[in-house]
Amino acid sequence: MDKQYVMHVAETIRQQLLATTPVDVICSWGALHGFIATAYKDMATLKFFVKGRLFKGYVLIAYNEMDYYEIYLQNESGTKCIHEECYFDQLGEVIDVAIERGEDAEEYEAFCAEEKAKLMRGEID
């Protein structure tokens, strides 16, 4: 795969992700640095490390020939596809549900409230 093409597509994915996802959400993933342009399954891919509440490892966003993004989670347990036909404006939501927030909004709000309380009590550095 052409290196320039991979670099261009990965940069486009990065820009789309950052433009459509609130910065506090990206910060909650621990994913502010270390974006990598690579190829995965013969697709130009953006890869980055996350430390979310539900998943720690790499997120891979691959551009497929059908003009969609495929999203994979990768860690020592292997690689799992979490979405095969994602539009650019869905990237942040799909990733956040998989690695940080989960499906239960009430449970996540309770978790955040407890973390905030710990922070206010000085229990979290």
Protein backbone atom coordinates (compact mmCIF):
# COMPACT_ATOMS: atom_id res chain seq x y z
CA MET A 1 0.00 0.00 0.00
CA ASP A 2 1.32 3.44 -0.93
CA LYS A 3 2.82 5.18 2.10
CA GLN A 4 1.62 8.65 1.06
CA TYR A 5 -1.93 7.36 0.65
CA VAL A 6 -1.87 5.75 4.10
CA MET A 7 -0.52 8.95 5.66
CA HIS A 8 -3.15 11.08 3.92
CA VAL A 9 -6.07 8.84 4.90
CA ALA A 10 -4.87 8.48 8.50
CA GLU A 11 -4.57 12.25 8.83
CA THR A 12 -8.07 12.69 7.41
CA ILE A 13 -9.43 10.17 9.94
CA ARG A 14 -7.61 11.96 12.77
CA GLN A 15 -9.00 15.34 11.73
CA GLN A 16 -12.53 13.96 11.41
CA LEU A 17 -12.34 12.26 14.81
CA LEU A 18 -11.03 15.39 16.54
CA ALA A 19 -13.53 17.67 14.79
CA THR A 20 -16.59 15.59 15.67
CA THR A 21 -15.72 14.37 19.18
CA PRO A 22 -15.66 16.67 22.23
CA VAL A 23 -12.13 17.07 23.60
CA ASP A 24 -13.22 15.98 27.10
CA VAL A 25 -14.40 12.68 25.63
CA ILE A 26 -11.06 12.14 23.88
CA CYS A 27 -9.27 13.07 27.12
CA SER A 28 -11.32 10.45 28.99
CA TRP A 29 -9.82 7.87 26.65
CA GLY A 30 -6.26 8.99 27.44
CA ALA A 31 -5.75 9.39 23.68
CA LEU A 32 -4.26 12.83 23.17
CA HIS A 33 -0.96 11.69 21.67
CA GLY A 34 0.49 8.85 19.66
CA PHE A 35 -1.69 8.70 16.57
CA ILE A 36 -0.10 6.24 14.12
CA ALA A 37 -0.69 5.92 10.38
CA THR A 38 -0.59 2.25 9.37
CA ALA A 39 -2.30 -0.37 7.24
CA TYR A 40 -4.58 -3.06 8.64
CA LYS A 41 -6.19 -5.76 6.48
CA ASP A 42 -5.03 -3.83 3.39
CA MET A 43 -6.85 -0.68 4.54
CA ALA A 44 -5.32 2.69 5.42
CA THR A 45 -5.72 2.95 9.19
CA LEU A 46 -5.36 5.35 12.09
CA LYS A 47 -4.17 3.57 15.24
CA PHE A 48 -3.93 4.99 18.75
CA PHE A 49 -3.63 3.76 22.34
CA VAL A 50 -6.47 4.30 24.82
CA LYS A 51 -6.87 3.77 28.56
CA GLY A 52 -10.64 3.78 28.84
CA ARG A 53 -12.73 2.54 31.74
CA LEU A 54 -13.97 -0.49 29.76
CA PHE A 55 -11.06 -1.13 27.40
CA LYS A 56 -7.31 -0.54 27.41
CA GLY A 57 -5.35 -1.12 24.23
CA TYR A 58 -5.37 0.13 20.66
CA VAL A 59 -8.22 1.54 18.63
CA LEU A 60 -7.86 1.05 14.88
CA ILE A 61 -10.00 3.08 12.49
CA ALA A 62 -9.64 1.63 8.99
CA TYR A 63 -11.01 3.15 5.78
CA ASN A 64 -12.59 0.44 3.62
CA GLU A 65 -13.33 0.34 -0.10
CA MET A 66 -17.07 0.83 0.52
CA ASP A 67 -16.37 4.38 1.79
CA TYR A 68 -17.02 3.45 5.43
CA TYR A 69 -14.80 3.14 8.46
CA GLU A 70 -14.22 -0.13 10.24
CA ILE A 71 -13.40 0.19 13.94
CA TYR A 72 -11.33 -2.43 15.76
CA LEU A 73 -10.18 -2.81 19.36
CA GLN A 74 -6.83 -4.55 19.83
CA ASN A 75 -5.05 -5.71 22.97
CA GLU A 76 -3.26 -8.78 24.34
CA SER A 77 -6.52 -10.75 23.97
CA GLY A 78 -6.65 -10.15 20.23
CA THR A 79 -8.42 -7.88 17.76
CA LYS A 80 -12.18 -7.39 17.67
CA CYS A 81 -14.24 -5.50 15.09
CA ILE A 82 -16.82 -3.32 16.85
CA HIS A 83 -18.28 -1.61 13.76
CA GLU A 84 -17.95 -2.38 10.03
CA GLU A 85 -19.88 0.49 8.44
CA CYS A 86 -19.24 3.62 10.48
CA TYR A 87 -19.66 7.13 9.09
CA PHE A 88 -17.09 9.76 10.07
CA ASP A 89 -19.55 11.60 12.30
CA GLN A 90 -20.22 8.42 14.31
CA LEU A 91 -16.58 7.63 15.13
CA GLY A 92 -16.42 9.29 18.56
CA GLU A 93 -19.77 7.91 19.72
CA VAL A 94 -19.00 4.33 18.65
CA ILE A 95 -15.55 4.39 20.23
CA ASP A 96 -16.73 6.06 23.45
CA VAL A 97 -19.47 3.49 24.04
CA ALA A 98 -16.98 0.65 23.49
CA ILE A 99 -14.08 1.89 25.59
CA GLU A 100 -15.36 4.36 28.18
CA ARG A 101 -19.08 5.02 28.62
CA GLY A 102 -20.75 1.70 27.88
CA GLU A 103 -24.42 1.21 27.00
CA ASP A 104 -25.91 2.18 30.39
CA ALA A 105 -26.07 5.99 30.65
CA GLU A 106 -27.25 5.95 34.28
CA GLU A 107 -24.42 3.66 35.34
CA TYR A 108 -21.85 5.89 33.63
CA GLU A 109 -23.28 9.03 35.24
CA ALA A 110 -23.07 7.34 38.66
CA PHE A 111 -19.47 6.33 37.95
CA CYS A 112 -18.57 9.91 36.95
CA ALA A 113 -20.26 11.33 40.05
CA GLU A 114 -18.31 8.94 42.28
CA GLU A 115 -15.02 9.78 40.54
CA LYS A 116 -15.74 13.50 40.96
CA ALA A 117 -16.47 12.97 44.67
CA LYS A 118 -13.17 11.08 45.08
CA LEU A 119 -11.33 13.89 43.32
CA MET A 120 -12.94 16.51 45.56
CA ARG A 121 -11.96 14.49 48.67
CA GLY A 122 -8.38 14.32 47.42
CA GLU A 123 -8.46 10.57 46.87
CA ILE A 124 -7.40 10.82 43.21
CA ASP A 125 -4.16 12.42 42.10
